[in-house]
Amino acid sequence: MRYIKEYKEYSTNKDLIIVIDNTMPPEKKYLSNIIKYLENSNIFYKIATEPEHILEYSKNYNIIGALSTGSDYRVNKDSNRLSYKALQYLECPILAMCFGFQSMSKFYGVEIQSGSEIKDNLYVTSFDESHFLFRDIDLKTTKLSFCFHDYPSEVPQGFTKIVELDGKIAGVSNTHLKRYGLLFHPEDLTTTHIIIDNFIESL
């Protein structure tokens, strides 16, 4: 894809990455690292904070991919309107992180379980070394940034498990739909930015 920064003017017919902003105001703490990554990579993006933005951007841009953020909202208690709208409407590849992944799992009919908060940089129990998201990164020796209470009880139908953390499903993939979910935050650590790189390069 062509890497260009977000334009201030409203130009059309540009390749676009949509950021599905699930974050809780006013802090919106899971958004800043994603924007920093995109800005540093000179990637053209728009932020969708309302379902209407997805429809608007779809009319004015060539949407080639979407990043669905984490959130302080809880997937079983709070609204999933924005995330669900993206999943219903977008036909592009989607990489969903933490809340985005939980919401994606629930969208596909999976029960979301809850437990004590896990917030730490951790090694995962197992992962699919052959999956393209993990090209050129060894998760056996690379810690991942986790911050979650909620996790899917099972793998959504049509998906495969690609990451596990202590018996919890921490990553899924549907290569047909080109939809991928991660329970961790690859945007948090520079050592795991390559996972987002691999997603972007696949578009």
C-alpha atoms as a PDB file:
ATOM      1  CA  MET A   1       0.000   0.000   0.000  1.00  0.00           C
ATOM      2  CA  ARG A   2       0.977   3.663  -0.341  1.00  0.00           C
ATOM      3  CA  TYR A   3       1.960   5.279   2.984  1.00  0.00           C
ATOM      4  CA  ILE A   4       0.770   8.874   3.378  1.00  0.00           C
ATOM      5  CA  LYS A   5      -0.157  10.885   6.457  1.00  0.00           C
ATOM      6  CA  GLU A   6      -3.665  11.940   7.317  1.00  0.00           C
ATOM      7  CA  TYR A   7      -4.667  14.936   5.219  1.00  0.00           C
ATOM      8  CA  LYS A   8      -6.240  17.934   6.932  1.00  0.00           C
ATOM      9  CA  GLU A   9      -8.312  18.672   3.849  1.00  0.00           C
ATOM     10  CA  TYR A  10     -11.086  16.265   2.908  1.00  0.00           C
ATOM     11  CA  SER A  11      -9.592  14.691  -0.207  1.00  0.00           C
ATOM     12  CA  THR A  12     -11.198  11.660  -1.845  1.00  0.00           C
ATOM     13  CA  ASN A  13     -10.179   8.490  -3.658  1.00  0.00           C
ATOM     14  CA  LYS A  14      -7.308   7.784  -1.285  1.00  0.00           C
ATOM     15  CA  ASP A  15      -6.317   4.434   0.213  1.00  0.00           C
ATOM     16  CA  LEU A  16      -7.381   4.594   3.834  1.00  0.00           C
ATOM     17  CA  ILE A  17      -6.851   2.780   7.113  1.00  0.00           C
ATOM     18  CA  ILE A  18      -9.802   3.272   9.462  1.00  0.00           C
ATOM     19  CA  VAL A  19      -9.149   3.329  13.197  1.00  0.00           C
ATOM     20  CA  ILE A  20     -12.243   2.040  14.995  1.00  0.00           C
ATOM     21  CA  ASP A  21     -12.014   4.118  18.153  1.00  0.00           C
ATOM     22  CA  ASN A  22     -13.670   2.071  20.908  1.00  0.00           C
ATOM     23  CA  THR A  23     -11.904   4.034  23.643  1.00  0.00           C
ATOM     24  CA  MET A  24     -13.566   5.697  26.631  1.00  0.00           C
ATOM     25  CA  PRO A  25     -13.419   9.499  26.824  1.00  0.00           C
ATOM     26  CA  PRO A  26     -11.941  11.698  28.006  1.00  0.00           C
ATOM     27  CA  GLU A  27      -8.684   9.775  28.407  1.00  0.00           C
ATOM     28  CA  LYS A  28      -9.057   7.518  25.333  1.00  0.00           C
ATOM     29  CA  LYS A  29      -5.866   5.852  26.483  1.00  0.00           C
ATOM     30  CA  TYR A  30      -5.841   3.000  23.970  1.00  0.00           C
ATOM     31  CA  LEU A  31      -5.890   5.360  20.986  1.00  0.00           C
ATOM     32  CA  SER A  32      -2.695   7.391  21.343  1.00  0.00           C
ATOM     33  CA  ASN A  33      -0.198   4.592  20.676  1.00  0.00           C
ATOM     34  CA  ILE A  34      -2.062   3.491  17.566  1.00  0.00           C
ATOM     35  CA  ILE A  35      -2.084   7.042  16.206  1.00  0.00           C
ATOM     36  CA  LYS A  36       1.592   7.449  17.074  1.00  0.00           C
ATOM     37  CA  TYR A  37       2.362   4.235  15.187  1.00  0.00           C
ATOM     38  CA  LEU A  38       0.399   5.366  12.118  1.00  0.00           C
ATOM     39  CA  GLU A  39       1.912   8.851  12.148  1.00  0.00           C
ATOM     40  CA  ASN A  40       5.458   7.523  12.495  1.00  0.00           C
ATOM     41  CA  SER A  41       4.792   5.101   9.638  1.00  0.00           C
ATOM     42  CA  ASN A  42       3.335   7.851   7.407  1.00  0.00           C
ATOM     43  CA  ILE A  43       0.113   5.895   6.964  1.00  0.00           C
ATOM     44  CA  PHE A  44      -3.021   7.689   5.790  1.00  0.00           C
ATOM     45  CA  TYR A  45      -5.821   7.099   8.320  1.00  0.00           C
ATOM     46  CA  LYS A  46      -9.126   8.393   9.599  1.00  0.00           C
ATOM     47  CA  ILE A  47     -10.575   7.831  13.058  1.00  0.00           C
ATOM     48  CA  ALA A  48     -14.141   6.567  13.342  1.00  0.00           C
ATOM     49  CA  THR A  49     -15.707   7.518  16.670  1.00  0.00           C
ATOM     50  CA  GLU A  50     -19.330   7.061  15.549  1.00  0.00           C
ATOM     51  CA  PRO A  51     -20.960   4.393  13.348  1.00  0.00           C
ATOM     52  CA  GLU A  52     -21.869   7.127  10.857  1.00  0.00           C
ATOM     53  CA  HIS A  53     -18.173   7.782  10.250  1.00  0.00           C
ATOM     54  CA  ILE A  54     -17.748   4.292   8.829  1.00  0.00           C
ATOM     55  CA  LEU A  55     -20.441   4.946   6.240  1.00  0.00           C
ATOM     56  CA  GLU A  56     -19.080   8.427   5.485  1.00  0.00           C
ATOM     57  CA  TYR A  57     -15.504   7.268   4.974  1.00  0.00           C
ATOM     58  CA  SER A  58     -16.664   4.330   2.864  1.00  0.00           C
ATOM     59  CA  LYS A  59     -18.230   6.777   0.410  1.00  0.00           C
ATOM     60  CA  ASN A  60     -15.173   9.003   0.165  1.00  0.00           C
ATOM     61  CA  TYR A  61     -12.170   6.698   0.450  1.00  0.00           C
ATOM     62  CA  ASN A  62     -10.865   3.358  -0.641  1.00  0.00           C
ATOM     63  CA  ILE A  63     -10.802   1.576   2.716  1.00  0.00           C
ATOM     64  CA  ILE A  64      -8.101  -1.076   2.614  1.00  0.00           C
ATOM     65  CA  GLY A  65      -7.963  -2.064   6.285  1.00  0.00           C
ATOM     66  CA  ALA A  66      -9.176  -1.321   9.805  1.00  0.00           C
ATOM     67  CA  LEU A  67      -7.667  -1.316  13.281  1.00  0.00           C
ATOM     68  CA  SER A  68     -10.165  -1.799  16.118  1.00  0.00           C
ATOM     69  CA  THR A  69      -8.863  -0.453  19.433  1.00  0.00           C
ATOM     70  CA  GLY A  70      -8.962  -1.554  23.030  1.00  0.00           C
ATOM     71  CA  SER A  71     -11.101   0.219  25.597  1.00  0.00           C
ATOM     72  CA  ASP A  72     -11.885   0.725  29.265  1.00  0.00           C
ATOM     73  CA  TYR A  73     -15.473  -0.183  28.368  1.00  0.00           C
ATOM     74  CA  ARG A  74     -16.546  -3.729  29.183  1.00  0.00           C
ATOM     75  CA  VAL A  75     -17.883  -5.764  26.302  1.00  0.00           C
ATOM     76  CA  ASN A  76     -20.748  -7.346  28.300  1.00  0.00           C
ATOM     77  CA  LYS A  77     -21.873  -4.097  29.950  1.00  0.00           C
ATOM     78  CA  ASP A  78     -21.316  -1.287  27.468  1.00  0.00           C
ATOM     79  CA  SER A  79     -22.220  -0.497  23.881  1.00  0.00           C
ATOM     80  CA  ASN A  80     -20.559  -2.293  20.985  1.00  0.00           C
ATOM     81  CA  ARG A  81     -22.329  -0.139  18.358  1.00  0.00           C
ATOM     82  CA  LEU A  82     -19.210   1.144  16.659  1.00  0.00           C
ATOM     83  CA  SER A  83     -17.341  -2.138  16.609  1.00  0.00           C
ATOM     84  CA  TYR A  84     -20.420  -4.030  15.423  1.00  0.00           C
ATOM     85  CA  LYS A  85     -21.061  -1.483  12.647  1.00  0.00           C
ATOM     86  CA  ALA A  86     -17.526  -1.971  11.385  1.00  0.00           C
ATOM     87  CA  LEU A  87     -17.923  -5.746  11.442  1.00  0.00           C
ATOM     88  CA  GLN A  88     -21.293  -5.548   9.676  1.00  0.00           C
ATOM     89  CA  TYR A  89     -20.339  -3.030   7.023  1.00  0.00           C
ATOM     90  CA  LEU A  90     -16.642  -3.210   6.222  1.00  0.00           C
ATOM     91  CA  GLU A  91     -15.349  -5.745   3.726  1.00  0.00           C
ATOM     92  CA  CYS A  92     -11.684  -4.914   4.281  1.00  0.00           C
ATOM     93  CA  PRO A  93      -9.281  -6.827   6.572  1.00  0.00           C
ATOM     94  CA  ILE A  94      -9.693  -5.973  10.263  1.00  0.00           C
ATOM     95  CA  LEU A  95      -7.155  -6.297  13.067  1.00  0.00           C
ATOM     96  CA  ALA A  96      -9.008  -6.089  16.399  1.00  0.00           C
ATOM     97  CA  MET A  97      -7.153  -5.588  19.680  1.00  0.00           C
ATOM     98  CA  CYS A  98      -8.344  -6.329  23.232  1.00  0.00           C
ATOM     99  CA  PHE A  99     -11.863  -4.805  23.460  1.00  0.00           C
ATOM    100  CA  GLY A 100     -11.995  -4.899  19.662  1.00  0.00           C
ATOM    101  CA  PHE A 101     -11.175  -8.628  19.779  1.00  0.00           C
ATOM    102  CA  GLN A 102     -13.661  -9.306  22.581  1.00  0.00           C
ATOM    103  CA  SER A 103     -16.347  -7.429  20.668  1.00  0.00           C
ATOM    104  CA  MET A 104     -15.517  -9.318  17.465  1.00  0.00           C
ATOM    105  CA  SER A 105     -15.835 -12.627  19.311  1.00  0.00           C
ATOM    106  CA  LYS A 106     -19.204 -11.617  20.771  1.00  0.00           C
ATOM    107  CA  PHE A 107     -20.375 -10.429  17.343  1.00  0.00           C
ATOM    108  CA  TYR A 108     -19.741 -13.951  16.050  1.00  0.00           C
ATOM    109  CA  GLY A 109     -21.792 -15.519  18.835  1.00  0.00           C
ATOM    110  CA  VAL A 110     -19.178 -16.374  21.454  1.00  0.00           C
ATOM    111  CA  GLU A 111     -19.835 -15.940  25.179  1.00  0.00           C
ATOM    112  CA  ILE A 112     -17.406 -13.531  26.827  1.00  0.00           C
ATOM    113  CA  GLN A 113     -16.114 -14.575  30.242  1.00  0.00           C
ATOM    114  CA  SER A 114     -14.707 -12.268  32.909  1.00  0.00           C
ATOM    115  CA  GLY A 115     -12.110 -12.576  35.633  1.00  0.00           C
ATOM    116  CA  SER A 116      -9.597 -10.574  37.617  1.00  0.00           C
ATOM    117  CA  GLU A 117      -7.722  -7.933  35.671  1.00  0.00           C
ATOM    118  CA  ILE A 118      -4.538  -9.110  33.994  1.00  0.00           C
ATOM    119  CA  LYS A 119      -2.264  -6.159  33.309  1.00  0.00           C
ATOM    120  CA  ASP A 120       1.348  -6.905  32.531  1.00  0.00           C
ATOM    121  CA  ASN A 121       3.908  -7.583  29.827  1.00  0.00           C
ATOM    122  CA  LEU A 122       3.788 -11.362  29.504  1.00  0.00           C
ATOM    123  CA  TYR A 123       5.066 -14.275  27.475  1.00  0.00           C
ATOM    124  CA  VAL A 124       2.261 -16.248  25.854  1.00  0.00           C
ATOM    125  CA  THR A 125       1.783 -19.963  26.422  1.00  0.00           C
ATOM    126  CA  SER A 126       1.644 -20.872  22.747  1.00  0.00           C
ATOM    127  CA  PHE A 127       1.212 -19.285  19.332  1.00  0.00           C
ATOM    128  CA  ASP A 128       1.013 -20.216  15.660  1.00  0.00           C
ATOM    129  CA  GLU A 129       4.538 -19.582  14.438  1.00  0.00           C
ATOM    130  CA  SER A 130       3.410 -19.936  10.811  1.00  0.00           C
ATOM    131  CA  HIS A 131       0.812 -17.167  10.957  1.00  0.00           C
ATOM    132  CA  PHE A 132       1.730 -14.132   8.889  1.00  0.00           C
ATOM    133  CA  LEU A 133       1.043 -11.717  11.763  1.00  0.00           C
ATOM    134  CA  PHE A 134       3.998 -13.215  13.606  1.00  0.00           C
ATOM    135  CA  ARG A 135       6.464 -13.155  10.739  1.00  0.00           C
ATOM    136  CA  ASP A 136       9.908 -12.034  11.950  1.00  0.00           C
ATOM    137  CA  ILE A 137       8.919 -12.044  15.623  1.00  0.00           C
ATOM    138  CA  ASP A 138       9.406 -14.850  18.125  1.00  0.00           C
ATOM    139  CA  LEU A 139       6.697 -14.757  20.776  1.00  0.00           C
ATOM    140  CA  LYS A 140       8.594 -17.312  22.813  1.00  0.00           C
ATOM    141  CA  THR A 141      11.139 -14.613  23.632  1.00  0.00           C
ATOM    142  CA  THR A 142       9.052 -11.436  23.190  1.00  0.00           C
ATOM    143  CA  LYS A 143       6.712 -10.178  25.889  1.00  0.00           C
ATOM    144  CA  LEU A 144       3.281  -8.860  24.918  1.00  0.00           C
ATOM    145  CA  SER A 145       1.339  -6.037  26.574  1.00  0.00           C
ATOM    146  CA  PHE A 146      -1.889  -7.337  28.161  1.00  0.00           C
ATOM    147  CA  CYS A 147      -4.581  -5.366  29.992  1.00  0.00           C
ATOM    148  CA  PHE A 148      -7.922  -7.206  30.228  1.00  0.00           C
ATOM    149  CA  HIS A 149     -10.671  -8.634  32.384  1.00  0.00           C
ATOM    150  CA  ASP A 150     -12.700 -10.272  29.614  1.00  0.00           C
ATOM    151  CA  TYR A 151     -11.899 -13.028  27.134  1.00  0.00           C
ATOM    152  CA  PRO A 152     -13.815 -15.321  24.752  1.00  0.00           C
ATOM    153  CA  SER A 153     -14.965 -18.688  26.068  1.00  0.00           C
ATOM    154  CA  GLU A 154     -14.248 -20.368  22.738  1.00  0.00           C
ATOM    155  CA  VAL A 155     -12.951 -19.710  19.260  1.00  0.00           C
ATOM    156  CA  PRO A 156     -15.615 -18.138  17.015  1.00  0.00           C
ATOM    157  CA  GLN A 157     -16.950 -20.391  14.288  1.00  0.00           C
ATOM    158  CA  GLY A 158     -14.827 -20.131  11.148  1.00  0.00           C
ATOM    159  CA  PHE A 159     -11.810 -18.840  13.083  1.00  0.00           C
ATOM    160  CA  THR A 160      -8.709 -20.617  14.326  1.00  0.00           C
ATOM    161  CA  LYS A 161      -6.788 -19.990  17.532  1.00  0.00           C
ATOM    162  CA  ILE A 162      -3.368 -18.436  16.931  1.00  0.00           C
ATOM    163  CA  VAL A 163      -2.363 -17.348  20.476  1.00  0.00           C
ATOM    164  CA  GLU A 164      -3.014 -18.756  23.944  1.00  0.00           C
ATOM    165  CA  LEU A 165      -2.243 -17.294  27.369  1.00  0.00           C
ATOM    166  CA  ASP A 166      -2.569 -19.668  30.326  1.00  0.00           C
ATOM    167  CA  GLY A 167      -5.542 -21.482  28.814  1.00  0.00           C
ATOM    168  CA  LYS A 168      -7.237 -18.300  27.575  1.00  0.00           C
ATOM    169  CA  ILE A 169      -7.774 -17.632  23.883  1.00  0.00           C
ATOM    170  CA  ALA A 170      -5.527 -14.657  23.175  1.00  0.00           C
ATOM    171  CA  GLY A 171      -5.625 -14.528  19.389  1.00  0.00           C
ATOM    172  CA  VAL A 172      -7.812 -15.756  16.533  1.00  0.00           C
ATOM    173  CA  SER A 173      -7.720 -15.647  12.760  1.00  0.00           C
ATOM    174  CA  ASN A 174     -10.166 -16.053   9.901  1.00  0.00           C
ATOM    175  CA  THR A 175      -8.139 -16.014   6.704  1.00  0.00           C
ATOM    176  CA  HIS A 176     -11.246 -16.159   4.500  1.00  0.00           C
ATOM    177  CA  LEU A 177     -12.781 -13.030   6.035  1.00  0.00           C
ATOM    178  CA  LYS A 178      -9.339 -11.551   6.738  1.00  0.00           C
ATOM    179  CA  ARG A 179     -10.340 -10.761  10.301  1.00  0.00           C
ATOM    180  CA  TYR A 180      -7.889 -11.168  13.145  1.00  0.00           C
ATOM    181  CA  GLY A 181      -8.256 -10.663  16.882  1.00  0.00           C
ATOM    182  CA  LEU A 182      -5.610 -10.228  19.564  1.00  0.00           C
ATOM    183  CA  LEU A 183      -6.226 -10.017  23.311  1.00  0.00           C
ATOM    184  CA  PHE A 184      -3.015  -8.024  23.744  1.00  0.00           C
ATOM    185  CA  HIS A 185      -1.890  -4.570  22.567  1.00  0.00           C
ATOM    186  CA  PRO A 186       0.801  -4.789  19.846  1.00  0.00           C
ATOM    187  CA  GLU A 187       0.754  -0.993  19.594  1.00  0.00           C
ATOM    188  CA  ASP A 188       2.045  -0.563  23.163  1.00  0.00           C
ATOM    189  CA  LEU A 189       5.596  -1.856  22.680  1.00  0.00           C
ATOM    190  CA  THR A 190       7.983  -1.020  19.851  1.00  0.00           C
ATOM    191  CA  THR A 191       9.148  -4.637  19.937  1.00  0.00           C
ATOM    192  CA  THR A 192       5.663  -5.782  18.860  1.00  0.00           C
ATOM    193  CA  HIS A 193       4.940  -3.084  16.262  1.00  0.00           C
ATOM    194  CA  ILE A 194       6.058  -5.626  13.690  1.00  0.00           C
ATOM    195  CA  ILE A 195       2.741  -7.439  14.211  1.00  0.00           C
ATOM    196  CA  ILE A 196       0.887  -4.346  12.980  1.00  0.00           C
ATOM    197  CA  ASP A 197       3.506  -3.952  10.236  1.00  0.00           C
ATOM    198  CA  ASN A 198       2.711  -7.476   9.057  1.00  0.00           C
ATOM    199  CA  PHE A 199      -1.006  -6.703   9.003  1.00  0.00           C
ATOM    200  CA  ILE A 200      -0.507  -3.443   7.072  1.00  0.00           C
ATOM    201  CA  GLU A 201       1.868  -5.064   4.601  1.00  0.00           C
ATOM    202  CA  SER A 202      -0.732  -7.765   3.868  1.00  0.00           C
ATOM    203  CA  LEU A 203      -3.302  -5.232   2.636  1.00  0.00           C
END
